[in-house]
Amino acid sequence: MTKAGIMQPYFLPYMGYWQLIANVDIFVLYDTIQYTKKGWITRNRFLLNGKDEVFSVPVMAASSLLEVKDRELDPNFDRKKLIRRFEGAYAKAPYFKENFPIIEEIILSPVTNLFLYIENSVHKICSFLEINAKIIRSSALNESQSGLKGQERVIDICRGLGADQYINPIGGIELYDEASFGKEKIHLEFLRSIPLVYECFGRPCIPHMSILDVMMFNPRDEIIKGLSGYVLESGEQSERR
C-alpha cells in the first residue's frame, strides 16, 4: 500500500504537520496554489514571556493571483533579526544549544524564492527528525486534467502517484468524501494529532505551537518518538466523536 499526503508549504509548522509526513510514503508540497496573506504559509506561533506570539517571514508585494512558487521574499527580510527574536525567547530553554543551530541554518538560507525557502526548511527538519518520506512538488506532477480543484485534484494526484491510501489532517474532514475516494480504490483517513506534552520554563506548554517551540524544550529522540503521537480515523469515526 502506497500512502500519500498533500499539504501547502508552511514555515516551521506544528507537530501534526511532521507527523503526517512521517506517516506517508510520498508527501506532495503544493507549490501550485495561490499565496494567501492571511494564511499560515509564512507564519506560526512561538513562546514569548509565557504567551504565544506570532512570527512571520515577509513576502514581497505582488499580485494575489501568483502561485506560491512565483512569490519572492521581501528583499528587506532581516534574517538575523528573526534569529535574535528567537534567541531572546528561547536562549534559556533546555535544548536551545543542542537544537537551535538547525533553526538558525534554516533562517539564514540565502534563497529568495518563497517556496524554495520553505521547501528547504521542510527538508532540513525532516532530516533532523529522520523522516524518510519522498517529498515532491505539485508542479512536478503530470496531473491528468488542468483546472481540477479541491477533492477532485487530490484524487487525480493520488492516481498519478499510484497511491491507494490518502491521509489528510483532521481539520480537513469536511472537505473530502470517502465514497468518492473509494470509487477510485483509494482509502481515505484523517490524522488527528495528539499534542506532545512538555513543560516550558516550569509551566505546561501551549499545544500546537511551531516545531521551533517543540525543539527548544525536547531532545531530538523524544521529538522523534512524538511523531507517532496521532490516531488515524475514518470520516465515520470522527462524526461519532
C-alpha atoms as a PDB file:
ATOM      1  CA  MET A   1       0.000   0.000   0.000  1.00  0.00           C
ATOM      2  CA  THR A   2       1.349   3.405  -1.006  1.00  0.00           C
ATOM      3  CA  LYS A   3       0.341   6.207   1.342  1.00  0.00           C
ATOM      4  CA  ALA A   4       0.246   9.818   0.174  1.00  0.00           C
ATOM      5  CA  GLY A   5      -0.193  13.160   1.898  1.00  0.00           C
ATOM      6  CA  ILE A   6      -0.616  16.586   0.316  1.00  0.00           C
ATOM      7  CA  MET A   7      -0.208  19.904   2.077  1.00  0.00           C
ATOM      8  CA  GLN A   8       0.566  23.543   1.475  1.00  0.00           C
ATOM      9  CA  PRO A   9       4.117  24.599   2.330  1.00  0.00           C
ATOM     10  CA  TYR A  10       4.316  26.057   5.828  1.00  0.00           C
ATOM     11  CA  PHE A  11       7.300  27.626   7.573  1.00  0.00           C
ATOM     12  CA  LEU A  12       8.169  25.741  10.789  1.00  0.00           C
ATOM     13  CA  PRO A  13       4.623  24.392  11.297  1.00  0.00           C
ATOM     14  CA  TYR A  14       3.231  22.494  14.271  1.00  0.00           C
ATOM     15  CA  MET A  15       3.966  18.884  15.206  1.00  0.00           C
ATOM     16  CA  GLY A  16       0.985  17.442  13.335  1.00  0.00           C
ATOM     17  CA  TYR A  17       2.490  18.507  10.009  1.00  0.00           C
ATOM     18  CA  TRP A  18       5.596  16.414  10.676  1.00  0.00           C
ATOM     19  CA  GLN A  19       3.524  13.504  11.968  1.00  0.00           C
ATOM     20  CA  LEU A  20       1.731  13.471   8.631  1.00  0.00           C
ATOM     21  CA  ILE A  21       4.940  13.494   6.586  1.00  0.00           C
ATOM     22  CA  ALA A  22       6.400  10.731   8.768  1.00  0.00           C
ATOM     23  CA  ASN A  23       3.329   8.552   8.236  1.00  0.00           C
ATOM     24  CA  VAL A  24       3.233   8.627   4.417  1.00  0.00           C
ATOM     25  CA  ASP A  25       5.428   7.267   1.653  1.00  0.00           C
ATOM     26  CA  ILE A  26       5.008  10.269  -0.640  1.00  0.00           C
ATOM     27  CA  PHE A  27       4.396  13.822   0.523  1.00  0.00           C
ATOM     28  CA  VAL A  28       3.353  16.443  -2.013  1.00  0.00           C
ATOM     29  CA  LEU A  29       4.144  20.075  -1.308  1.00  0.00           C
ATOM     30  CA  TYR A  30       1.663  22.310  -3.116  1.00  0.00           C
ATOM     31  CA  ASP A  31       3.662  24.978  -4.901  1.00  0.00           C
ATOM     32  CA  THR A  32       0.918  25.498  -7.482  1.00  0.00           C
ATOM     33  CA  ILE A  33      -1.544  27.249  -5.204  1.00  0.00           C
ATOM     34  CA  GLN A  34      -2.151  30.941  -4.679  1.00  0.00           C
ATOM     35  CA  TYR A  35      -0.390  32.556  -1.765  1.00  0.00           C
ATOM     36  CA  THR A  36      -2.841  33.934   0.789  1.00  0.00           C
ATOM     37  CA  LYS A  37      -1.569  36.666   3.060  1.00  0.00           C
ATOM     38  CA  LYS A  38      -3.979  35.766   5.857  1.00  0.00           C
ATOM     39  CA  GLY A  39      -2.999  32.081   5.835  1.00  0.00           C
ATOM     40  CA  TRP A  40      -0.266  30.297   7.761  1.00  0.00           C
ATOM     41  CA  ILE A  41       2.210  29.671   4.954  1.00  0.00           C
ATOM     42  CA  THR A  42       4.714  32.217   6.260  1.00  0.00           C
ATOM     43  CA  ARG A  43       3.791  32.484   9.931  1.00  0.00           C
ATOM     44  CA  ASN A  44       3.342  30.460  13.087  1.00  0.00           C
ATOM     45  CA  ARG A  45       3.338  30.741  16.872  1.00  0.00           C
ATOM     46  CA  PHE A  46       6.209  30.743  19.346  1.00  0.00           C
ATOM     47  CA  LEU A  47       6.524  31.285  23.094  1.00  0.00           C
ATOM     48  CA  LEU A  48       7.414  34.751  24.332  1.00  0.00           C
ATOM     49  CA  ASN A  49       7.231  35.678  28.006  1.00  0.00           C
ATOM     50  CA  GLY A  50       4.833  32.852  28.737  1.00  0.00           C
ATOM     51  CA  LYS A  51       2.409  33.682  25.924  1.00  0.00           C
ATOM     52  CA  ASP A  52       2.064  32.604  22.324  1.00  0.00           C
ATOM     53  CA  GLU A  53       3.177  35.201  19.818  1.00  0.00           C
ATOM     54  CA  VAL A  54       3.145  35.130  16.029  1.00  0.00           C
ATOM     55  CA  PHE A  55       6.313  35.259  13.948  1.00  0.00           C
ATOM     56  CA  SER A  56       6.318  35.677  10.192  1.00  0.00           C
ATOM     57  CA  VAL A  57       8.532  35.750   7.124  1.00  0.00           C
ATOM     58  CA  PRO A  58       7.889  38.854   4.985  1.00  0.00           C
ATOM     59  CA  VAL A  59       6.899  38.422   1.353  1.00  0.00           C
ATOM     60  CA  MET A  60       7.335  40.899  -1.480  1.00  0.00           C
ATOM     61  CA  ALA A  61       4.133  42.600  -2.572  1.00  0.00           C
ATOM     62  CA  ALA A  62       2.750  41.095  -5.781  1.00  0.00           C
ATOM     63  CA  SER A  63      -0.454  40.039  -7.488  1.00  0.00           C
ATOM     64  CA  SER A  64      -2.637  37.785  -5.345  1.00  0.00           C
ATOM     65  CA  LEU A  65      -3.074  35.606  -8.437  1.00  0.00           C
ATOM     66  CA  LEU A  66       0.541  34.456  -8.346  1.00  0.00           C
ATOM     67  CA  GLU A  67       1.181  30.921  -7.147  1.00  0.00           C
ATOM     68  CA  VAL A  68       3.421  30.224  -4.171  1.00  0.00           C
ATOM     69  CA  LYS A  69       6.257  29.101  -6.442  1.00  0.00           C
ATOM     70  CA  ASP A  70       6.250  32.532  -8.088  1.00  0.00           C
ATOM     71  CA  ARG A  71       6.378  34.621  -4.930  1.00  0.00           C
ATOM     72  CA  GLU A  72       9.570  36.177  -3.570  1.00  0.00           C
ATOM     73  CA  LEU A  73      10.677  37.018  -0.056  1.00  0.00           C
ATOM     74  CA  ASP A  74      10.834  40.694   0.798  1.00  0.00           C
ATOM     75  CA  PRO A  75      14.383  41.857  -0.060  1.00  0.00           C
ATOM     76  CA  ASN A  76      14.419  43.672   3.280  1.00  0.00           C
ATOM     77  CA  PHE A  77      13.810  40.451   5.212  1.00  0.00           C
ATOM     78  CA  ASP A  78      16.251  40.693   8.127  1.00  0.00           C
ATOM     79  CA  ARG A  79      17.101  37.069   8.830  1.00  0.00           C
ATOM     80  CA  LYS A  80      19.415  37.895  11.718  1.00  0.00           C
ATOM     81  CA  LYS A  81      16.704  39.967  13.371  1.00  0.00           C
ATOM     82  CA  LEU A  82      14.362  36.962  13.346  1.00  0.00           C
ATOM     83  CA  ILE A  83      17.137  34.829  14.820  1.00  0.00           C
ATOM     84  CA  ARG A  84      17.697  37.368  17.594  1.00  0.00           C
ATOM     85  CA  ARG A  85      13.966  37.360  18.312  1.00  0.00           C
ATOM     86  CA  PHE A  86      14.003  33.609  18.769  1.00  0.00           C
ATOM     87  CA  GLU A  87      17.195  33.761  20.813  1.00  0.00           C
ATOM     88  CA  GLY A  88      15.595  36.251  23.165  1.00  0.00           C
ATOM     89  CA  ALA A  89      12.647  33.918  23.646  1.00  0.00           C
ATOM     90  CA  TYR A  90      14.443  30.589  23.959  1.00  0.00           C
ATOM     91  CA  ALA A  91      18.085  31.141  24.951  1.00  0.00           C
ATOM     92  CA  LYS A  92      17.396  29.654  28.391  1.00  0.00           C
ATOM     93  CA  ALA A  93      15.378  26.697  27.094  1.00  0.00           C
ATOM     94  CA  PRO A  94      16.947  23.312  27.926  1.00  0.00           C
ATOM     95  CA  TYR A  95      17.660  22.251  24.327  1.00  0.00           C
ATOM     96  CA  PHE A  96      18.444  25.631  22.819  1.00  0.00           C
ATOM     97  CA  LYS A  97      22.166  24.954  22.372  1.00  0.00           C
ATOM     98  CA  GLU A  98      21.520  21.478  21.046  1.00  0.00           C
ATOM     99  CA  ASN A  99      18.765  22.191  18.528  1.00  0.00           C
ATOM    100  CA  PHE A 100      18.801  25.892  17.682  1.00  0.00           C
ATOM    101  CA  PRO A 101      21.651  25.604  15.135  1.00  0.00           C
ATOM    102  CA  ILE A 102      19.245  23.809  12.788  1.00  0.00           C
ATOM    103  CA  ILE A 103      16.726  26.641  13.104  1.00  0.00           C
ATOM    104  CA  GLU A 104      19.460  29.212  12.554  1.00  0.00           C
ATOM    105  CA  GLU A 105      20.672  27.390   9.441  1.00  0.00           C
ATOM    106  CA  ILE A 106      17.114  27.337   8.071  1.00  0.00           C
ATOM    107  CA  ILE A 107      16.521  31.047   8.653  1.00  0.00           C
ATOM    108  CA  LEU A 108      19.877  32.084   7.193  1.00  0.00           C
ATOM    109  CA  SER A 109      19.264  30.301   3.898  1.00  0.00           C
ATOM    110  CA  PRO A 110      20.085  32.829   1.140  1.00  0.00           C
ATOM    111  CA  VAL A 111      17.233  31.568  -1.050  1.00  0.00           C
ATOM    112  CA  THR A 112      14.928  34.431  -2.052  1.00  0.00           C
ATOM    113  CA  ASN A 113      12.040  32.493  -3.612  1.00  0.00           C
ATOM    114  CA  LEU A 114       9.287  31.914  -1.043  1.00  0.00           C
ATOM    115  CA  PHE A 115       8.533  28.308  -1.923  1.00  0.00           C
ATOM    116  CA  LEU A 116      12.180  27.274  -2.190  1.00  0.00           C
ATOM    117  CA  TYR A 117      12.896  28.912   1.156  1.00  0.00           C
ATOM    118  CA  ILE A 118      10.100  26.948   2.842  1.00  0.00           C
ATOM    119  CA  GLU A 119      10.912  23.754   0.936  1.00  0.00           C
ATOM    120  CA  ASN A 120      14.471  23.949   2.249  1.00  0.00           C
ATOM    121  CA  SER A 121      13.157  24.247   5.808  1.00  0.00           C
ATOM    122  CA  VAL A 122      10.931  21.192   5.330  1.00  0.00           C
ATOM    123  CA  HIS A 123      13.849  19.090   4.136  1.00  0.00           C
ATOM    124  CA  LYS A 124      16.069  20.294   6.989  1.00  0.00           C
ATOM    125  CA  ILE A 125      13.514  19.435   9.676  1.00  0.00           C
ATOM    126  CA  CYS A 126      12.751  16.079   8.054  1.00  0.00           C
ATOM    127  CA  SER A 127      16.440  15.237   8.102  1.00  0.00           C
ATOM    128  CA  PHE A 128      16.686  16.297  11.751  1.00  0.00           C
ATOM    129  CA  LEU A 129      13.705  14.103  12.657  1.00  0.00           C
ATOM    130  CA  GLU A 130      14.841  11.183  10.477  1.00  0.00           C
ATOM    131  CA  ILE A 131      11.706  11.360   8.327  1.00  0.00           C
ATOM    132  CA  ASN A 132      12.272   9.462   5.082  1.00  0.00           C
ATOM    133  CA  ALA A 133       9.147  10.181   3.048  1.00  0.00           C
ATOM    134  CA  LYS A 134       9.686  11.111  -0.581  1.00  0.00           C
ATOM    135  CA  ILE A 135       8.875  14.823  -0.919  1.00  0.00           C
ATOM    136  CA  ILE A 136       7.840  16.152  -4.305  1.00  0.00           C
ATOM    137  CA  ARG A 137       6.430  19.410  -5.642  1.00  0.00           C
ATOM    138  CA  SER A 138       2.961  19.546  -7.111  1.00  0.00           C
ATOM    139  CA  SER A 139       4.417  21.376 -10.128  1.00  0.00           C
ATOM    140  CA  ALA A 140       6.483  18.275 -10.910  1.00  0.00           C
ATOM    141  CA  LEU A 141       3.394  16.086 -11.288  1.00  0.00           C
ATOM    142  CA  ASN A 142       1.720  15.256 -14.559  1.00  0.00           C
ATOM    143  CA  GLU A 143      -1.841  15.897 -13.470  1.00  0.00           C
ATOM    144  CA  SER A 144      -4.264  14.397 -15.974  1.00  0.00           C
ATOM    145  CA  GLN A 145      -6.603  17.380 -16.155  1.00  0.00           C
ATOM    146  CA  SER A 146      -5.918  21.047 -15.678  1.00  0.00           C
ATOM    147  CA  GLY A 147      -8.376  23.138 -13.728  1.00  0.00           C
ATOM    148  CA  LEU A 148      -9.209  20.489 -11.151  1.00  0.00           C
ATOM    149  CA  LYS A 149      -9.707  21.792  -7.631  1.00  0.00           C
ATOM    150  CA  GLY A 150     -10.231  20.500  -4.121  1.00  0.00           C
ATOM    151  CA  GLN A 151     -11.120  16.848  -3.741  1.00  0.00           C
ATOM    152  CA  GLU A 152     -11.001  16.119  -7.473  1.00  0.00           C
ATOM    153  CA  ARG A 153      -7.462  17.438  -7.702  1.00  0.00           C
ATOM    154  CA  VAL A 154      -6.347  15.395  -4.685  1.00  0.00           C
ATOM    155  CA  ILE A 155      -7.811  12.216  -6.171  1.00  0.00           C
ATOM    156  CA  ASP A 156      -6.151  12.969  -9.505  1.00  0.00           C
ATOM    157  CA  ILE A 157      -2.779  13.429  -7.799  1.00  0.00           C
ATOM    158  CA  CYS A 158      -3.192  10.177  -5.861  1.00  0.00           C
ATOM    159  CA  ARG A 159      -3.980   8.331  -9.093  1.00  0.00           C
ATOM    160  CA  GLY A 160      -0.899   9.800 -10.742  1.00  0.00           C
ATOM    161  CA  LEU A 161       1.268   8.729  -7.825  1.00  0.00           C
ATOM    162  CA  GLY A 162      -0.191   5.241  -7.722  1.00  0.00           C
ATOM    163  CA  ALA A 163      -1.294   5.878  -4.139  1.00  0.00           C
ATOM    164  CA  ASP A 164      -4.032   3.674  -2.708  1.00  0.00           C
ATOM    165  CA  GLN A 165      -4.228   5.473   0.643  1.00  0.00           C
ATOM    166  CA  TYR A 166      -4.601   9.200   1.245  1.00  0.00           C
ATOM    167  CA  ILE A 167      -4.105  10.753   4.674  1.00  0.00           C
ATOM    168  CA  ASN A 168      -5.229  14.279   5.482  1.00  0.00           C
ATOM    169  CA  PRO A 169      -5.126  16.276   8.730  1.00  0.00           C
ATOM    170  CA  ILE A 170      -8.371  16.012  10.693  1.00  0.00           C
ATOM    171  CA  GLY A 171      -9.089  19.695  10.109  1.00  0.00           C
ATOM    172  CA  GLY A 172      -9.996  18.961   6.503  1.00  0.00           C
ATOM    173  CA  ILE A 173     -12.530  16.254   7.232  1.00  0.00           C
ATOM    174  CA  GLU A 174     -15.444  18.227   5.786  1.00  0.00           C
ATOM    175  CA  LEU A 175     -13.614  18.746   2.505  1.00  0.00           C
ATOM    176  CA  TYR A 176     -13.439  15.112   1.460  1.00  0.00           C
ATOM    177  CA  ASP A 177     -15.932  12.343   0.800  1.00  0.00           C
ATOM    178  CA  GLU A 178     -14.924   8.746   1.490  1.00  0.00           C
ATOM    179  CA  ALA A 179     -17.220   7.369  -1.196  1.00  0.00           C
ATOM    180  CA  SER A 180     -15.554   9.467  -3.905  1.00  0.00           C
ATOM    181  CA  PHE A 181     -12.124   8.196  -2.905  1.00  0.00           C
ATOM    182  CA  GLY A 182     -13.479   4.661  -2.612  1.00  0.00           C
ATOM    183  CA  LYS A 183     -14.653   4.716  -6.223  1.00  0.00           C
ATOM    184  CA  GLU A 184     -11.033   5.216  -7.192  1.00  0.00           C
ATOM    185  CA  LYS A 185      -9.913   2.467  -4.780  1.00  0.00           C
ATOM    186  CA  ILE A 186      -8.185   4.993  -2.561  1.00  0.00           C
ATOM    187  CA  HIS A 187      -8.571   4.536   1.185  1.00  0.00           C
ATOM    188  CA  LEU A 188      -9.175   7.885   2.915  1.00  0.00           C
ATOM    189  CA  GLU A 189      -8.112   8.517   6.503  1.00  0.00           C
ATOM    190  CA  PHE A 190      -7.674  11.550   8.715  1.00  0.00           C
ATOM    191  CA  LEU A 191      -4.793  12.192  11.081  1.00  0.00           C
ATOM    192  CA  ARG A 192      -5.748  13.511  14.497  1.00  0.00           C
ATOM    193  CA  SER A 193      -2.583  14.842  16.137  1.00  0.00           C
ATOM    194  CA  ILE A 194      -2.099  14.246  19.843  1.00  0.00           C
ATOM    195  CA  PRO A 195      -0.139  17.218  21.228  1.00  0.00           C
ATOM    196  CA  LEU A 196       3.276  16.456  22.646  1.00  0.00           C
ATOM    197  CA  VAL A 197       3.113  17.346  26.337  1.00  0.00           C
ATOM    198  CA  TYR A 198       6.128  19.093  27.861  1.00  0.00           C
ATOM    199  CA  GLU A 199       6.976  21.927  30.213  1.00  0.00           C
ATOM    200  CA  CYS A 200       8.014  25.405  29.101  1.00  0.00           C
ATOM    201  CA  PHE A 201      10.069  27.144  31.761  1.00  0.00           C
ATOM    202  CA  GLY A 202       8.210  25.299  34.507  1.00  0.00           C
ATOM    203  CA  ARG A 203       4.732  25.761  33.051  1.00  0.00           C
ATOM    204  CA  PRO A 204       2.589  23.491  30.880  1.00  0.00           C
ATOM    205  CA  CYS A 205       3.326  24.009  27.213  1.00  0.00           C
ATOM    206  CA  ILE A 206       0.865  25.650  24.871  1.00  0.00           C
ATOM    207  CA  PRO A 207      -0.323  22.946  22.426  1.00  0.00           C
ATOM    208  CA  HIS A 208       0.140  23.060  18.650  1.00  0.00           C
ATOM    209  CA  MET A 209       2.936  25.615  18.639  1.00  0.00           C
ATOM    210  CA  SER A 210       5.581  25.801  15.919  1.00  0.00           C
ATOM    211  CA  ILE A 211       8.032  22.891  15.751  1.00  0.00           C
ATOM    212  CA  LEU A 212      10.524  25.544  16.881  1.00  0.00           C
ATOM    213  CA  ASP A 213       8.947  25.511  20.339  1.00  0.00           C
ATOM    214  CA  VAL A 214       8.985  21.709  20.476  1.00  0.00           C
ATOM    215  CA  MET A 215      12.661  21.649  19.558  1.00  0.00           C
ATOM    216  CA  MET A 216      13.627  24.112  22.268  1.00  0.00           C
ATOM    217  CA  PHE A 217      12.137  22.038  25.096  1.00  0.00           C
ATOM    218  CA  ASN A 218      12.673  18.464  23.926  1.00  0.00           C
ATOM    219  CA  PRO A 219      15.635  16.333  22.848  1.00  0.00           C
ATOM    220  CA  ARG A 220      15.595  15.031  19.313  1.00  0.00           C
ATOM    221  CA  ASP A 221      14.911  11.429  20.384  1.00  0.00           C
ATOM    222  CA  GLU A 222      11.755  12.475  22.242  1.00  0.00           C
ATOM    223  CA  ILE A 223      10.519  14.517  19.299  1.00  0.00           C
ATOM    224  CA  ILE A 224      11.064  11.543  17.002  1.00  0.00           C
ATOM    225  CA  LYS A 225       9.056   9.379  19.394  1.00  0.00           C
ATOM    226  CA  GLY A 226       6.355  12.061  19.321  1.00  0.00           C
ATOM    227  CA  LEU A 227       5.959  11.573  15.572  1.00  0.00           C
ATOM    228  CA  SER A 228       3.824   8.538  16.411  1.00  0.00           C
ATOM    229  CA  GLY A 229       1.550  10.622  18.649  1.00  0.00           C
ATOM    230  CA  TYR A 230      -1.542  10.557  16.483  1.00  0.00           C
ATOM    231  CA  VAL A 231      -4.554   8.449  15.614  1.00  0.00           C
ATOM    232  CA  LEU A 232      -5.903   7.724  12.132  1.00  0.00           C
ATOM    233  CA  GLU A 233      -9.648   7.942  11.761  1.00  0.00           C
ATOM    234  CA  SER A 234     -12.201   7.460   9.052  1.00  0.00           C
ATOM    235  CA  GLY A 235     -14.802  10.137   8.477  1.00  0.00           C
ATOM    236  CA  GLU A 236     -17.401   7.996  10.262  1.00  0.00           C
ATOM    237  CA  GLN A 237     -15.222   7.653  13.359  1.00  0.00           C
ATOM    238  CA  SER A 238     -14.792  11.424  13.573  1.00  0.00           C
ATOM    239  CA  GLU A 239     -18.519  12.010  13.170  1.00  0.00           C
ATOM    240  CA  ARG A 240     -19.185   9.765  16.163  1.00  0.00           C
ATOM    241  CA  ARG A 241     -16.895  11.805  18.405  1.00  0.00           C
END
